[in-house]
PDB file of all heavy atoms in Angstrom:
ATOM      1  N   ARG A   1     197.077 182.270 -94.308  1.00  0.00           N
ATOM      2  CA  ARG A   1     196.570 182.066 -95.616  1.00  0.00           C
ATOM      3  C   ARG A   1     196.284 180.590 -95.855  1.00  0.00           C
ATOM      4  O   ARG A   1     196.885 179.690 -95.245  1.00  0.00           O
ATOM      5  CB  ARG A   1     197.614 182.541 -96.609  1.00  0.00           C
ATOM      6  CG  ARG A   1     197.864 184.049 -96.552  1.00  0.00           C
ATOM      7  CD  ARG A   1     199.038 184.475 -97.416  1.00  0.00           C
ATOM      8  NE  ARG A   1     198.859 184.068 -98.779  1.00  0.00           N
ATOM      9  CZ  ARG A   1     199.798 183.729 -99.648  1.00  0.00           C
ATOM     10  NH1 ARG A   1     201.043 183.666 -99.219  1.00  0.00           N
ATOM     11  NH2 ARG A   1     199.493 183.496-100.902  1.00  0.00           N
ATOM     12  N   ALA A   2     195.328 180.329 -96.714  1.00  0.00           N
ATOM     13  CA  ALA A   2     194.870 178.943 -97.026  1.00  0.00           C
ATOM     14  C   ALA A   2     195.790 178.354 -98.092  1.00  0.00           C
ATOM     15  O   ALA A   2     196.368 179.066 -98.924  1.00  0.00           O
ATOM     16  CB  ALA A   2     193.431 178.974 -97.451  1.00  0.00           C
ATOM     17  N   ASN A   3     195.808 177.024 -98.092  1.00  0.00           N
ATOM     18  CA  ASN A   3     196.338 176.338 -99.301  1.00  0.00           C
ATOM     19  C   ASN A   3     195.332 176.416-100.363  1.00  0.00           C
ATOM     20  O   ASN A   3     194.298 175.707-100.405  1.00  0.00           O
ATOM     21  CB  ASN A   3     196.582 174.831 -98.898  1.00  0.00           C
ATOM     22  CG  ASN A   3     197.128 174.035-100.027  1.00  0.00           C
ATOM     23  OD1 ASN A   3     197.126 174.426-101.233  1.00  0.00           O
ATOM     24  ND2 ASN A   3     197.493 172.766 -99.768  1.00  0.00           N
ATOM     25  N   GLU A   4     195.570 177.277-101.345  1.00  0.00           N
ATOM     26  CA  GLU A   4     194.574 177.545-102.401  1.00  0.00           C
ATOM     27  C   GLU A   4     194.314 176.368-103.382  1.00  0.00           C
ATOM     28  O   GLU A   4     193.325 176.382-104.156  1.00  0.00           O
ATOM     29  CB  GLU A   4     194.952 178.790-103.134  1.00  0.00           C
ATOM     30  CG  GLU A   4     194.920 179.997-102.238  1.00  0.00           C
ATOM     31  CD  GLU A   4     194.894 181.331-103.066  1.00  0.00           C
ATOM     32  OE1 GLU A   4     194.711 181.294-104.337  1.00  0.00           O
ATOM     33  OE2 GLU A   4     195.088 182.364-102.395  1.00  0.00           O
ATOM     34  N   ASN A   5     195.111 175.307-103.269  1.00  0.00           N
ATOM     35  CA  ASN A   5     194.905 174.161-104.081  1.00  0.00           C
ATOM     36  C   ASN A   5     193.561 173.494-103.723  1.00  0.00           C
ATOM     37  O   ASN A   5     192.940 172.850-104.545  1.00  0.00           O
ATOM     38  CB  ASN A   5     196.045 173.191-103.990  1.00  0.00           C
ATOM     39  CG  ASN A   5     197.305 173.682-104.604  1.00  0.00           C
ATOM     40  OD1 ASN A   5     197.358 174.113-105.724  1.00  0.00           O
ATOM     41  ND2 ASN A   5     198.402 173.710-103.833  1.00  0.00           N
ATOM     42  N   TYR A   6     193.188 173.611-102.471  1.00  0.00           N
ATOM     43  CA  TYR A   6     191.887 173.046-102.042  1.00  0.00           C
ATOM     44  C   TYR A   6     190.750 173.656-102.754  1.00  0.00           C
ATOM     45  O   TYR A   6     189.685 173.043-102.894  1.00  0.00           O
ATOM     46  CB  TYR A   6     191.728 173.243-100.520  1.00  0.00           C
ATOM     47  CG  TYR A   6     192.400 172.175 -99.678  1.00  0.00           C
ATOM     48  CD1 TYR A   6     193.775 172.178 -99.565  1.00  0.00           C
ATOM     49  CD2 TYR A   6     191.694 171.221 -98.929  1.00  0.00           C
ATOM     50  CE1 TYR A   6     194.447 171.170 -98.855  1.00  0.00           C
ATOM     51  CE2 TYR A   6     192.296 170.324 -98.126  1.00  0.00           C
ATOM     52  CZ  TYR A   6     193.723 170.295 -98.132  1.00  0.00           C
ATOM     53  OH  TYR A   6     194.332 169.302 -97.337  1.00  0.00           O
ATOM     54  N   GLN A   7     190.911 174.877-103.312  1.00  0.00           N
ATOM     55  CA  GLN A   7     189.808 175.549-104.051  1.00  0.00           C
ATOM     56  C   GLN A   7     189.643 174.862-105.389  1.00  0.00           C
ATOM     57  O   GLN A   7     188.619 175.058-106.017  1.00  0.00           O
ATOM     58  CB  GLN A   7     190.188 177.074-104.242  1.00  0.00           C
ATOM     59  CG  GLN A   7     190.370 177.818-102.934  1.00  0.00           C
ATOM     60  CD  GLN A   7     189.191 177.739-102.007  1.00  0.00           C
ATOM     61  OE1 GLN A   7     189.239 177.119-100.941  1.00  0.00           O
ATOM     62  NE2 GLN A   7     188.053 178.298-102.472  1.00  0.00           N
ATOM     63  N   LYS A   8     190.607 174.071-105.859  1.00  0.00           N
ATOM     64  CA  LYS A   8     190.507 173.425-107.115  1.00  0.00           C
ATOM     65  C   LYS A   8     189.726 172.111-107.035  1.00  0.00           C
ATOM     66  O   LYS A   8     189.368 171.510-108.025  1.00  0.00           O
ATOM     67  CB  LYS A   8     191.949 173.097-107.678  1.00  0.00           C
ATOM     68  CG  LYS A   8     192.822 174.348-107.856  1.00  0.00           C
ATOM     69  CD  LYS A   8     194.233 173.928-108.311  1.00  0.00           C
ATOM     70  CE  LYS A   8     195.128 175.120-108.333  1.00  0.00           C
ATOM     71  NZ  LYS A   8     196.584 174.731-108.611  1.00  0.00           N
ATOM     72  N   LEU A   9     189.514 171.629-105.803  1.00  0.00           N
ATOM     73  CA  LEU A   9     188.775 170.392-105.625  1.00  0.00           C
ATOM     74  C   LEU A   9     187.317 170.576-106.015  1.00  0.00           C
ATOM     75  O   LEU A   9     186.717 171.659-105.916  1.00  0.00           O
ATOM     76  CB  LEU A   9     188.824 169.931-104.100  1.00  0.00           C
ATOM     77  CG  LEU A   9     190.216 169.468-103.611  1.00  0.00           C
ATOM     78  CD1 LEU A   9     190.193 169.408-102.111  1.00  0.00           C
ATOM     79  CD2 LEU A   9     190.549 168.108-104.201  1.00  0.00           C
ATOM     80  N   LYS A  10     186.722 169.444-106.450  1.00  0.00           N
ATOM     81  CA  LYS A  10     185.295 169.444-106.736  1.00  0.00           C
ATOM     82  C   LYS A  10     184.634 169.753-105.389  1.00  0.00           C
ATOM     83  O   LYS A  10     185.122 169.562-104.264  1.00  0.00           O
ATOM     84  CB  LYS A  10     184.843 168.130-107.310  1.00  0.00           C
ATOM     85  CG  LYS A  10     185.327 167.958-108.773  1.00  0.00           C
ATOM     86  CD  LYS A  10     184.939 166.663-109.359  1.00  0.00           C
ATOM     87  CE  LYS A  10     185.717 165.542-108.773  1.00  0.00           C
ATOM     88  NZ  LYS A  10     185.376 164.166-109.418  1.00  0.00           N
ATOM     89  N   ALA A  11     183.296 170.156-105.486  1.00  0.00           N
ATOM     90  CA  ALA A  11     182.609 170.728-104.342  1.00  0.00           C
ATOM     91  C   ALA A  11     182.701 169.804-103.115  1.00  0.00           C
ATOM     92  O   ALA A  11     182.788 170.298-101.991  1.00  0.00           O
ATOM     93  CB  ALA A  11     181.116 170.977-104.752  1.00  0.00           C
ATOM     94  N   SER A  12     182.527 168.506-103.340  1.00  0.00           N
ATOM     95  CA  SER A  12     182.566 167.627-102.170  1.00  0.00           C
ATOM     96  C   SER A  12     183.058 166.264-102.574  1.00  0.00           C
ATOM     97  O   SER A  12     183.110 165.870-103.733  1.00  0.00           O
ATOM     98  CB  SER A  12     181.108 167.474-101.593  1.00  0.00           C
ATOM     99  OG  SER A  12     180.290 166.727-102.466  1.00  0.00           O
ATOM    100  N   TYR A  13     183.509 165.479-101.622  1.00  0.00           N
ATOM    101  CA  TYR A  13     184.039 164.172-101.808  1.00  0.00           C
ATOM    102  C   TYR A  13     182.812 163.325-102.282  1.00  0.00           C
ATOM    103  O   TYR A  13     181.661 163.457-101.800  1.00  0.00           O
ATOM    104  CB  TYR A  13     184.564 163.593-100.499  1.00  0.00           C
ATOM    105  CG  TYR A  13     185.120 162.215-100.565  1.00  0.00           C
ATOM    106  CD1 TYR A  13     186.152 161.869-101.451  1.00  0.00           C
ATOM    107  CD2 TYR A  13     184.725 161.232 -99.705  1.00  0.00           C
ATOM    108  CE1 TYR A  13     186.669 160.628-101.559  1.00  0.00           C
ATOM    109  CE2 TYR A  13     185.229 159.918 -99.754  1.00  0.00           C
ATOM    110  CZ  TYR A  13     186.209 159.660-100.639  1.00  0.00           C
ATOM    111  OH  TYR A  13     186.805 158.399-100.716  1.00  0.00           O
ATOM    112  N   LEU A  14     183.026 162.418-103.278  1.00  0.00           N
ATOM    113  CA  LEU A  14     181.940 161.663-103.925  1.00  0.00           C
ATOM    114  C   LEU A  14     180.990 161.035-102.924  1.00  0.00           C
ATOM    115  O   LEU A  14     179.766 161.173-102.981  1.00  0.00           O
ATOM    116  CB  LEU A  14     182.562 160.581-104.774  1.00  0.00           C
ATOM    117  CG  LEU A  14     181.631 159.521-105.377  1.00  0.00           C
ATOM    118  CD1 LEU A  14     180.528 160.111-106.274  1.00  0.00           C
ATOM    119  CD2 LEU A  14     182.436 158.442-106.094  1.00  0.00           C
ATOM    120  N   PHE A  15     181.509 160.328-101.927  1.00  0.00           N
ATOM    121  CA  PHE A  15     180.662 159.555-100.983  1.00  0.00           C
ATOM    122  C   PHE A  15     179.927 160.441-100.016  1.00  0.00           C
ATOM    123  O   PHE A  15     178.915 160.143 -99.486  1.00  0.00           O
ATOM    124  CB  PHE A  15     181.477 158.467-100.315  1.00  0.00           C
ATOM    125  CG  PHE A  15     182.022 157.469-101.308  1.00  0.00           C
ATOM    126  CD1 PHE A  15     183.337 157.425-101.672  1.00  0.00           C
ATOM    127  CD2 PHE A  15     181.161 156.553-101.903  1.00  0.00           C
ATOM    128  CE1 PHE A  15     183.868 156.573-102.527  1.00  0.00           C
ATOM    129  CE2 PHE A  15     181.638 155.632-102.853  1.00  0.00           C
ATOM    130  CZ  PHE A  15     182.992 155.589-103.216  1.00  0.00           C
ATOM    131  N   SER A  16     180.483 161.653 -99.750  1.00  0.00           N
ATOM    132  CA  SER A  16     179.815 162.607 -98.992  1.00  0.00           C
ATOM    133  C   SER A  16     178.540 163.123 -99.762  1.00  0.00           C
ATOM    134  O   SER A  16     177.489 163.368 -99.134  1.00  0.00           O
ATOM    135  CB  SER A  16     180.672 163.776 -98.569  1.00  0.00           C
ATOM    136  OG  SER A  16     181.781 163.352 -97.837  1.00  0.00           O
ATOM    137  N   ASP A  17     178.746 163.349-101.008  1.00  0.00           N
ATOM    138  CA  ASP A  17     177.598 163.862-101.884  1.00  0.00           C
ATOM    139  C   ASP A  17     176.501 162.747-101.937  1.00  0.00           C
ATOM    140  O   ASP A  17     175.329 163.077-101.824  1.00  0.00           O
ATOM    141  CB  ASP A  17     178.147 164.152-103.240  1.00  0.00           C
ATOM    142  CG  ASP A  17     177.174 165.012-104.062  1.00  0.00           C
ATOM    143  OD1 ASP A  17     176.212 165.538-103.421  1.00  0.00           O
ATOM    144  OD2 ASP A  17     177.408 165.225-105.243  1.00  0.00           O
ATOM    145  N   ILE A  18     176.932 161.498-102.035  1.00  0.00           N
ATOM    146  CA  ILE A  18     175.942 160.422-102.054  1.00  0.00           C
ATOM    147  C   ILE A  18     175.195 160.389-100.716  1.00  0.00           C
ATOM    148  O   ILE A  18     173.913 160.264-100.703  1.00  0.00           O
ATOM    149  CB  ILE A  18     176.620 159.061-102.343  1.00  0.00           C
ATOM    150  CG1 ILE A  18     177.135 159.045-103.787  1.00  0.00           C
ATOM    151  CG2 ILE A  18     175.677 157.905-102.069  1.00  0.00           C
ATOM    152  CD1 ILE A  18     177.993 157.829-104.053  1.00  0.00           C
ATOM    153  N   ALA A  19     175.912 160.456 -99.660  1.00  0.00           N
ATOM    154  CA  ALA A  19     175.290 160.427 -98.298  1.00  0.00           C
ATOM    155  C   ALA A  19     174.247 161.580 -98.158  1.00  0.00           C
ATOM    156  O   ALA A  19     173.232 161.404 -97.556  1.00  0.00           O
ATOM    157  CB  ALA A  19     176.375 160.475 -97.227  1.00  0.00           C
ATOM    158  N   ARG A  20     174.664 162.736 -98.619  1.00  0.00           N
ATOM    159  CA  ARG A  20     173.705 163.922 -98.556  1.00  0.00           C
ATOM    160  C   ARG A  20     172.426 163.642 -99.265  1.00  0.00           C
ATOM    161  O   ARG A  20     171.308 163.899 -98.789  1.00  0.00           O
ATOM    162  CB  ARG A  20     174.401 165.124 -99.067  1.00  0.00           C
ATOM    163  CG  ARG A  20     173.535 166.448 -99.030  1.00  0.00           C
ATOM    164  CD  ARG A  20     174.282 167.572 -99.663  1.00  0.00           C
ATOM    165  NE  ARG A  20     174.669 167.304-101.048  1.00  0.00           N
ATOM    166  CZ  ARG A  20     173.777 167.365-102.095  1.00  0.00           C
ATOM    167  NH1 ARG A  20     172.479 167.644-101.860  1.00  0.00           N
ATOM    168  NH2 ARG A  20     174.152 167.141-103.286  1.00  0.00           N
ATOM    169  N   ARG A  21     172.522 163.130-100.498  1.00  0.00           N
ATOM    170  CA  ARG A  21     171.341 162.836-101.265  1.00  0.00           C
ATOM    171  C   ARG A  21     170.441 161.695-100.636  1.00  0.00           C
ATOM    172  O   ARG A  21     169.263 161.825-100.655  1.00  0.00           O
ATOM    173  CB  ARG A  21     171.751 162.357-102.676  1.00  0.00           C
ATOM    174  CG  ARG A  21     172.421 163.493-103.526  1.00  0.00           C
ATOM    175  CD  ARG A  21     172.542 163.023-104.960  1.00  0.00           C
ATOM    176  NE  ARG A  21     173.249 164.039-105.754  1.00  0.00           N
ATOM    177  CZ  ARG A  21     173.021 164.263-107.076  1.00  0.00           C
ATOM    178  NH1 ARG A  21     172.137 163.552-107.677  1.00  0.00           N
ATOM    179  NH2 ARG A  21     173.754 165.167-107.668  1.00  0.00           N
ATOM    180  N   VAL A  22     171.117 160.708-100.116  1.00  0.00           N
ATOM    181  CA  VAL A  22     170.367 159.605 -99.480  1.00  0.00           C
ATOM    182  C   VAL A  22     169.714 160.143 -98.243  1.00  0.00           C
ATOM    183  O   VAL A  22     168.511 159.822 -97.981  1.00  0.00           O
ATOM    184  CB  VAL A  22     171.293 158.431 -99.171  1.00  0.00           C
ATOM    185  CG1 VAL A  22     170.567 157.348 -98.404  1.00  0.00           C
ATOM    186  CG2 VAL A  22     171.820 157.828-100.470  1.00  0.00           C
ATOM    187  N   ASP A  23     170.390 160.966 -97.430  1.00  0.00           N
ATOM    188  CA  ASP A  23     169.774 161.479 -96.231  1.00  0.00           C
ATOM    189  C   ASP A  23     168.565 162.362 -96.501  1.00  0.00           C
ATOM    190  O   ASP A  23     167.600 162.238 -95.847  1.00  0.00           O
ATOM    191  CB  ASP A  23     170.840 162.332 -95.433  1.00  0.00           C
ATOM    192  CG  ASP A  23     171.896 161.460 -94.779  1.00  0.00           C
ATOM    193  OD1 ASP A  23     171.715 160.243 -94.699  1.00  0.00           O
ATOM    194  OD2 ASP A  23     172.920 162.015 -94.336  1.00  0.00           O
ATOM    195  N   GLN A  24     168.687 163.156 -97.619  1.00  0.00           N
ATOM    196  CA  GLN A  24     167.525 163.992 -97.966  1.00  0.00           C
ATOM    197  C   GLN A  24     166.369 163.097 -98.399  1.00  0.00           C
ATOM    198  O   GLN A  24     165.165 163.352 -98.012  1.00  0.00           O
ATOM    199  CB  GLN A  24     167.919 164.886 -99.103  1.00  0.00           C
ATOM    200  CG  GLN A  24     166.882 165.841 -99.587  1.00  0.00           C
ATOM    201  CD  GLN A  24     166.438 166.790 -98.447  1.00  0.00           C
ATOM    202  OE1 GLN A  24     167.239 167.225 -97.639  1.00  0.00           O
ATOM    203  NE2 GLN A  24     165.123 167.120 -98.431  1.00  0.00           N
ATOM    204  N   PHE A  25     166.637 162.022 -99.191  1.00  0.00           N
ATOM    205  CA  PHE A  25     165.561 161.112 -99.623  1.00  0.00           C
ATOM    206  C   PHE A  25     164.926 160.474 -98.382  1.00  0.00           C
ATOM    207  O   PHE A  25     163.672 160.354 -98.330  1.00  0.00           O
ATOM    208  CB  PHE A  25     166.188 160.094-100.571  1.00  0.00           C
ATOM    209  CG  PHE A  25     165.200 159.000-100.889  1.00  0.00           C
ATOM    210  CD1 PHE A  25     164.193 159.192-101.835  1.00  0.00           C
ATOM    211  CD2 PHE A  25     165.199 157.774-100.289  1.00  0.00           C
ATOM    212  CE1 PHE A  25     163.285 158.215-102.168  1.00  0.00           C
ATOM    213  CE2 PHE A  25     164.316 156.747-100.587  1.00  0.00           C
ATOM    214  CZ  PHE A  25     163.334 156.990-101.538  1.00  0.00           C
ATOM    215  N   GLN A  26     165.728 160.089 -97.419  1.00  0.00           N
ATOM    216  CA  GLN A  26     165.223 159.376 -96.275  1.00  0.00           C
ATOM    217  C   GLN A  26     164.264 160.310 -95.437  1.00  0.00           C
ATOM    218  O   GLN A  26     163.284 159.811 -94.932  1.00  0.00           O
ATOM    219  CB  GLN A  26     166.372 158.765 -95.406  1.00  0.00           C
ATOM    220  CG  GLN A  26     165.945 157.762 -94.443  1.00  0.00           C
ATOM    221  CD  GLN A  26     165.570 156.444 -95.097  1.00  0.00           C
ATOM    222  OE1 GLN A  26     166.399 155.594 -95.325  1.00  0.00           O
ATOM    223  NE2 GLN A  26     164.297 156.170 -95.377  1.00  0.00           N
ATOM    224  N   LYS A  27     164.701 161.564 -95.326  1.00  0.00           N
ATOM    225  CA  LYS A  27     163.880 162.509 -94.582  1.00  0.00           C
ATOM    226  C   LYS A  27     162.525 162.711 -95.272  1.00  0.00           C
ATOM    227  O   LYS A  27     161.452 162.849 -94.571  1.00  0.00           O
ATOM    228  CB  LYS A  27     164.570 163.844 -94.478  1.00  0.00           C
ATOM    229  CG  LYS A  27     165.774 163.869 -93.529  1.00  0.00           C
ATOM    230  CD  LYS A  27     166.493 165.194 -93.537  1.00  0.00           C
ATOM    231  CE  LYS A  27     167.701 165.196 -92.654  1.00  0.00           C
ATOM    232  NZ  LYS A  27     168.446 166.433 -92.705  1.00  0.00           N
ATOM    233  N   GLU A  28     162.546 162.661 -96.591  1.00  0.00           N
ATOM    234  CA  GLU A  28     161.266 162.909 -97.344  1.00  0.00           C
ATOM    235  C   GLU A  28     160.512 161.605 -97.427  1.00  0.00           C
ATOM    236  O   GLU A  28     159.272 161.653 -97.712  1.00  0.00           O
ATOM    237  CB  GLU A  28     161.619 163.428 -98.735  1.00  0.00           C
ATOM    238  CG  GLU A  28     162.295 164.812 -98.750  1.00  0.00           C
ATOM    239  CD  GLU A  28     162.848 165.170-100.100  1.00  0.00           C
ATOM    240  OE1 GLU A  28     162.748 164.326-101.001  1.00  0.00           O
ATOM    241  OE2 GLU A  28     163.286 166.352-100.257  1.00  0.00           O
ATOM    242  N   ASN A  29     161.079 160.419 -97.220  1.00  0.00           N
ATOM    243  CA  ASN A  29     160.406 159.200 -97.317  1.00  0.00           C
ATOM    244  C   ASN A  29     160.834 158.291 -96.163  1.00  0.00           C
ATOM    245  O   ASN A  29     161.469 157.246 -96.337  1.00  0.00           O
ATOM    246  CB  ASN A  29     160.812 158.502 -98.609  1.00  0.00           C
ATOM    247  CG  ASN A  29     160.521 159.307 -99.886  1.00  0.00           C
ATOM    248  OD1 ASN A  29     159.346 159.308-100.414  1.00  0.00           O
ATOM    249  ND2 ASN A  29     161.500 160.103-100.326  1.00  0.00           N
ATOM    250  N   PRO A  30     160.385 158.685 -94.958  1.00  0.00           N
ATOM    251  CA  PRO A  30     160.791 157.960 -93.752  1.00  0.00           C
ATOM    252  C   PRO A  30     160.344 156.465 -93.672  1.00  0.00           C
ATOM    253  O   PRO A  30     160.871 155.670 -92.936  1.00  0.00           O
ATOM    254  CB  PRO A  30     160.202 158.773 -92.620  1.00  0.00           C
ATOM    255  CG  PRO A  30     159.076 159.486 -93.260  1.00  0.00           C
ATOM    256  CD  PRO A  30     159.460 159.788 -94.644  1.00  0.00           C
ATOM    257  N   ASP A  31     159.312 156.143 -94.427  1.00  0.00           N
ATOM    258  CA  ASP A  31     158.766 154.772 -94.466  1.00  0.00           C
ATOM    259  C   ASP A  31     159.447 153.798 -95.347  1.00  0.00           C
ATOM    260  O   ASP A  31     159.185 152.591 -95.288  1.00  0.00           O
ATOM    261  CB  ASP A  31     157.287 154.766 -94.728  1.00  0.00           C
ATOM    262  CG  ASP A  31     156.462 155.546 -93.683  1.00  0.00           C
ATOM    263  OD1 ASP A  31     156.899 155.664 -92.565  1.00  0.00           O
ATOM    264  OD2 ASP A  31     155.408 156.210 -94.048  1.00  0.00           O
ATOM    265  N   ILE A  32     160.329 154.282 -96.199  1.00  0.00           N
ATOM    266  CA  ILE A  32     161.046 153.410 -97.131  1.00  0.00           C
ATOM    267  C   ILE A  32     162.339 152.967 -96.495  1.00  0.00           C
ATOM    268  O   ILE A  32     163.170 153.762 -96.030  1.00  0.00           O
ATOM    269  CB  ILE A  32     161.294 154.113 -98.516  1.00  0.00           C
ATOM    270  CG1 ILE A  32     159.963 154.511 -99.189  1.00  0.00           C
ATOM    271  CG2 ILE A  32     162.184 153.285 -99.392  1.00  0.00           C
ATOM    272  CD1 ILE A  32     160.157 155.241-100.478  1.00  0.00           C
ATOM    273  N   ARG A  33     162.547 151.669 -96.503  1.00  0.00           N
ATOM    274  CA  ARG A  33     163.792 151.125 -95.984  1.00  0.00           C
ATOM    275  C   ARG A  33     164.864 151.150 -97.143  1.00  0.00           C
ATOM    276  O   ARG A  33     164.768 150.400 -98.110  1.00  0.00           O
ATOM    277  CB  ARG A  33     163.624 149.674 -95.514  1.00  0.00           C
ATOM    278  CG  ARG A  33     164.852 149.093 -94.872  1.00  0.00           C
ATOM    279  CD  ARG A  33     164.566 147.640 -94.319  1.00  0.00           C
ATOM    280  NE  ARG A  33     164.319 146.706 -95.356  1.00  0.00           N
ATOM    281  CZ  ARG A  33     165.279 145.987 -95.991  1.00  0.00           C
ATOM    282  NH1 ARG A  33     166.543 146.163 -95.635  1.00  0.00           N
ATOM    283  NH2 ARG A  33     164.990 145.130 -96.955  1.00  0.00           N
ATOM    284  N   VAL A  34     165.796 152.020 -97.015  1.00  0.00           N
ATOM    285  CA  VAL A  34     166.840 152.135 -98.087  1.00  0.00           C
ATOM    286  C   VAL A  34     167.846 151.019 -98.002  1.00  0.00           C
ATOM    287  O   VAL A  34     168.313 150.675 -96.882  1.00  0.00           O
ATOM    288  CB  VAL A  34     167.529 153.507 -97.942  1.00  0.00           C
ATOM    289  CG1 VAL A  34     168.722 153.615 -98.914  1.00  0.00           C
ATOM    290  CG2 VAL A  34     166.556 154.664 -98.238  1.00  0.00           C
ATOM    291  N   ILE A  35     168.229 150.405 -99.109  1.00  0.00           N
ATOM    292  CA  ILE A  35     169.249 149.352 -99.151  1.00  0.00           C
ATOM    293  C   ILE A  35     170.460 149.996 -99.798  1.00  0.00           C
ATOM    294  O   ILE A  35     170.426 150.451-100.933  1.00  0.00           O
ATOM    295  CB  ILE A  35     168.736 148.175 -99.976  1.00  0.00           C
ATOM    296  CG1 ILE A  35     167.498 147.585 -99.292  1.00  0.00           C
ATOM    297  CG2 ILE A  35     169.865 147.115-100.023  1.00  0.00           C
ATOM    298  CD1 ILE A  35     166.883 146.399-100.051  1.00  0.00           C
TER     299      ILE A  35
END
């Protein structure tokens, strides 16, 4: 059985969510140098 407290966490860790959005933007805009 799982530790069901993990189900109470928000969908993802903040910085993982940011990385996902930035990666998606970079794939769609490969010529832009992201800072």
